[in-house]
């Protein structure tokens, strides 16, 4: 079994050109109008993915 993330940081949705659709595990403070501080913050999924890597996927069996 394998897992590959789409991208580590939030990115603009290619199909809708929106920042409001968030895909990364690092939140980027920016909205659909291009406004925001660009501050990056770890999401819960960041810790989850770090644990998956650290345990070589064994944490997925819990």
N, C-alpha and C. Protein backbone atom coordinates (compact mmCIF):
# COMPACT_ATOMS: atom_id res chain seq x y z
N UNK A 1 0.85 -1.17 0.00
CA UNK A 1 0.00 0.00 0.00
C UNK A 1 0.89 1.23 0.00
N UNK A 2 0.50 2.24 -0.72
CA UNK A 2 1.27 3.48 -0.76
C UNK A 2 0.38 4.69 -0.64
N UNK A 3 0.97 5.79 -0.27
CA UNK A 3 0.24 7.05 -0.17
C UNK A 3 1.15 8.16 -0.65
N UNK A 4 0.65 8.98 -1.54
CA UNK A 4 1.39 10.14 -2.01
C UNK A 4 0.50 11.36 -1.85
N UNK A 5 1.00 12.38 -1.20
CA UNK A 5 0.19 13.59 -1.02
C UNK A 5 0.16 14.39 -2.31
N UNK A 6 -0.89 15.16 -2.49
CA UNK A 6 -1.03 16.00 -3.68
C UNK A 6 0.00 17.12 -3.65
N UNK A 7 0.13 17.76 -2.51
CA UNK A 7 1.10 18.83 -2.33
C UNK A 7 1.16 19.20 -0.87
N UNK A 8 2.32 19.61 -0.37
CA UNK A 8 2.44 19.89 1.06
C UNK A 8 1.72 21.15 1.52
N UNK A 9 1.65 22.17 0.67
CA UNK A 9 1.00 23.42 1.08
C UNK A 9 -0.28 23.63 0.28
N UNK A 10 -1.19 24.44 0.84
CA UNK A 10 -2.40 24.78 0.12
C UNK A 10 -2.04 25.40 -1.21
N UNK A 11 -2.78 25.06 -2.22
CA UNK A 11 -2.51 25.59 -3.55
C UNK A 11 -3.81 25.99 -4.22
N UNK A 12 -3.71 26.75 -5.28
CA UNK A 12 -4.89 27.20 -6.00
C UNK A 12 -5.49 26.03 -6.76
N UNK A 13 -6.80 25.85 -6.64
CA UNK A 13 -7.49 24.79 -7.37
C UNK A 13 -7.37 25.05 -8.86
N UNK A 14 -6.81 24.10 -9.58
CA UNK A 14 -6.61 24.27 -11.03
C UNK A 14 -7.93 24.35 -11.78
N UNK A 15 -8.93 23.61 -11.34
CA UNK A 15 -10.20 23.59 -12.06
C UNK A 15 -11.09 24.79 -11.75
N UNK A 16 -10.93 25.39 -10.57
CA UNK A 16 -11.81 26.49 -10.17
C UNK A 16 -11.07 27.79 -9.86
N UNK A 17 -9.75 27.77 -9.87
CA UNK A 17 -8.93 28.94 -9.54
C UNK A 17 -9.30 29.53 -8.18
N UNK A 18 -9.48 28.67 -7.20
CA UNK A 18 -9.87 29.11 -5.86
C UNK A 18 -8.84 28.66 -4.82
N UNK A 19 -8.57 29.56 -3.88
CA UNK A 19 -7.76 29.19 -2.72
C UNK A 19 -8.65 28.56 -1.65
N UNK A 20 -9.96 28.79 -1.73
CA UNK A 20 -10.86 28.27 -0.70
C UNK A 20 -10.93 26.75 -0.71
N UNK A 21 -10.54 26.13 -1.80
CA UNK A 21 -10.44 24.66 -1.85
C UNK A 21 -9.04 24.30 -1.38
N UNK A 22 -8.94 23.75 -0.18
CA UNK A 22 -7.65 23.52 0.46
C UNK A 22 -7.24 22.06 0.34
N UNK A 23 -6.04 21.81 -0.18
CA UNK A 23 -5.59 20.44 -0.39
C UNK A 23 -4.34 20.06 0.39
N UNK A 24 -3.53 20.99 0.80
CA UNK A 24 -2.26 20.67 1.45
C UNK A 24 -2.40 20.36 2.93
N UNK A 25 -1.30 19.96 3.56
CA UNK A 25 -1.32 19.76 5.01
C UNK A 25 -0.64 20.91 5.74
N UNK A 26 -0.33 21.97 5.01
CA UNK A 26 0.12 23.23 5.59
C UNK A 26 -0.80 24.32 5.08
N UNK A 27 -1.51 24.98 6.00
CA UNK A 27 -2.46 26.03 5.65
C UNK A 27 -1.70 27.30 5.27
N UNK A 28 -2.11 27.95 4.19
CA UNK A 28 -1.54 29.23 3.77
C UNK A 28 -2.63 30.29 3.91
N UNK A 29 -2.33 31.34 4.68
CA UNK A 29 -3.30 32.40 4.91
C UNK A 29 -3.41 33.29 3.66
N UNK A 30 -4.30 32.89 2.77
CA UNK A 30 -4.58 33.65 1.55
C UNK A 30 -5.99 33.29 1.11
N UNK A 31 -6.75 34.28 0.63
CA UNK A 31 -8.11 34.00 0.19
C UNK A 31 -8.22 34.05 -1.33
N UNK A 32 -9.44 33.88 -1.83
CA UNK A 32 -9.67 33.86 -3.28
C UNK A 32 -9.36 35.20 -3.95
N UNK A 33 -9.30 36.28 -3.18
CA UNK A 33 -8.99 37.60 -3.73
C UNK A 33 -7.50 37.91 -3.69
N UNK A 34 -6.69 36.96 -3.23
CA UNK A 34 -5.25 37.16 -3.14
C UNK A 34 -4.83 37.92 -1.90
N UNK A 35 -5.75 38.06 -0.95
CA UNK A 35 -5.47 38.78 0.29
C UNK A 35 -5.07 37.80 1.39
N UNK A 36 -4.24 38.25 2.30
CA UNK A 36 -3.82 37.44 3.43
C UNK A 36 -2.35 37.67 3.74
N UNK A 37 -1.92 37.16 4.87
CA UNK A 37 -0.55 37.40 5.33
C UNK A 37 0.45 36.39 4.76
N UNK A 38 -0.05 35.35 4.11
CA UNK A 38 0.77 34.24 3.59
C UNK A 38 1.44 33.43 4.70
N UNK A 39 0.99 33.61 5.94
CA UNK A 39 1.49 32.83 7.06
C UNK A 39 1.15 31.36 6.84
N UNK A 40 2.08 30.49 7.13
CA UNK A 40 1.86 29.05 6.99
C UNK A 40 1.67 28.43 8.37
N UNK A 41 0.65 27.55 8.48
CA UNK A 41 0.33 26.89 9.73
C UNK A 41 0.09 25.41 9.46
N UNK A 42 0.64 24.55 10.30
CA UNK A 42 0.43 23.11 10.14
C UNK A 42 -1.02 22.75 10.44
N UNK A 43 -1.61 21.92 9.59
CA UNK A 43 -2.96 21.39 9.82
C UNK A 43 -2.84 20.07 10.58
N UNK A 44 -3.97 19.53 11.05
CA UNK A 44 -3.96 18.23 11.73
C UNK A 44 -3.36 17.16 10.83
N UNK A 45 -3.64 17.27 9.53
CA UNK A 45 -3.14 16.26 8.59
C UNK A 45 -1.61 16.26 8.50
N UNK A 46 -0.96 17.36 8.88
CA UNK A 46 0.50 17.41 8.89
C UNK A 46 1.05 16.38 9.87
N UNK A 47 0.50 16.37 11.08
CA UNK A 47 0.92 15.41 12.10
C UNK A 47 0.59 13.98 11.70
N UNK A 48 -0.58 13.81 11.08
CA UNK A 48 -0.98 12.48 10.62
C UNK A 48 0.01 11.96 9.58
N UNK A 49 0.36 12.79 8.61
CA UNK A 49 1.26 12.35 7.54
C UNK A 49 2.67 12.11 8.09
N UNK A 50 3.11 12.94 9.01
CA UNK A 50 4.42 12.75 9.64
C UNK A 50 4.48 11.40 10.35
N UNK A 51 3.38 11.03 11.02
CA UNK A 51 3.32 9.73 11.71
C UNK A 51 3.32 8.57 10.71
N UNK A 52 2.62 8.72 9.61
CA UNK A 52 2.62 7.69 8.56
C UNK A 52 4.04 7.46 8.05
N UNK A 53 4.76 8.54 7.81
CA UNK A 53 6.14 8.43 7.32
C UNK A 53 7.03 7.78 8.39
N UNK A 54 6.91 8.27 9.62
CA UNK A 54 7.75 7.79 10.72
C UNK A 54 7.57 6.29 10.96
N UNK A 55 6.33 5.81 10.86
CA UNK A 55 6.05 4.40 11.14
C UNK A 55 6.04 3.54 9.87
N UNK A 56 6.42 4.16 8.77
CA UNK A 56 6.42 3.46 7.47
C UNK A 56 5.07 2.83 7.16
N UNK A 57 4.02 3.57 7.52
CA UNK A 57 2.67 3.14 7.21
C UNK A 57 2.00 2.26 8.24
N UNK A 58 2.73 1.81 9.26
CA UNK A 58 2.13 0.94 10.26
C UNK A 58 1.03 1.64 11.05
N UNK A 59 1.11 2.96 11.18
CA UNK A 59 0.08 3.70 11.91
C UNK A 59 -1.26 3.65 11.18
N UNK A 60 -1.28 3.31 9.92
CA UNK A 60 -2.53 3.21 9.16
C UNK A 60 -3.35 2.01 9.58
N UNK A 61 -2.72 1.05 10.22
CA UNK A 61 -3.42 -0.17 10.63
C UNK A 61 -4.10 -0.02 11.98
N UNK A 62 -3.94 1.11 12.64
CA UNK A 62 -4.55 1.32 13.97
C UNK A 62 -6.03 1.55 13.84
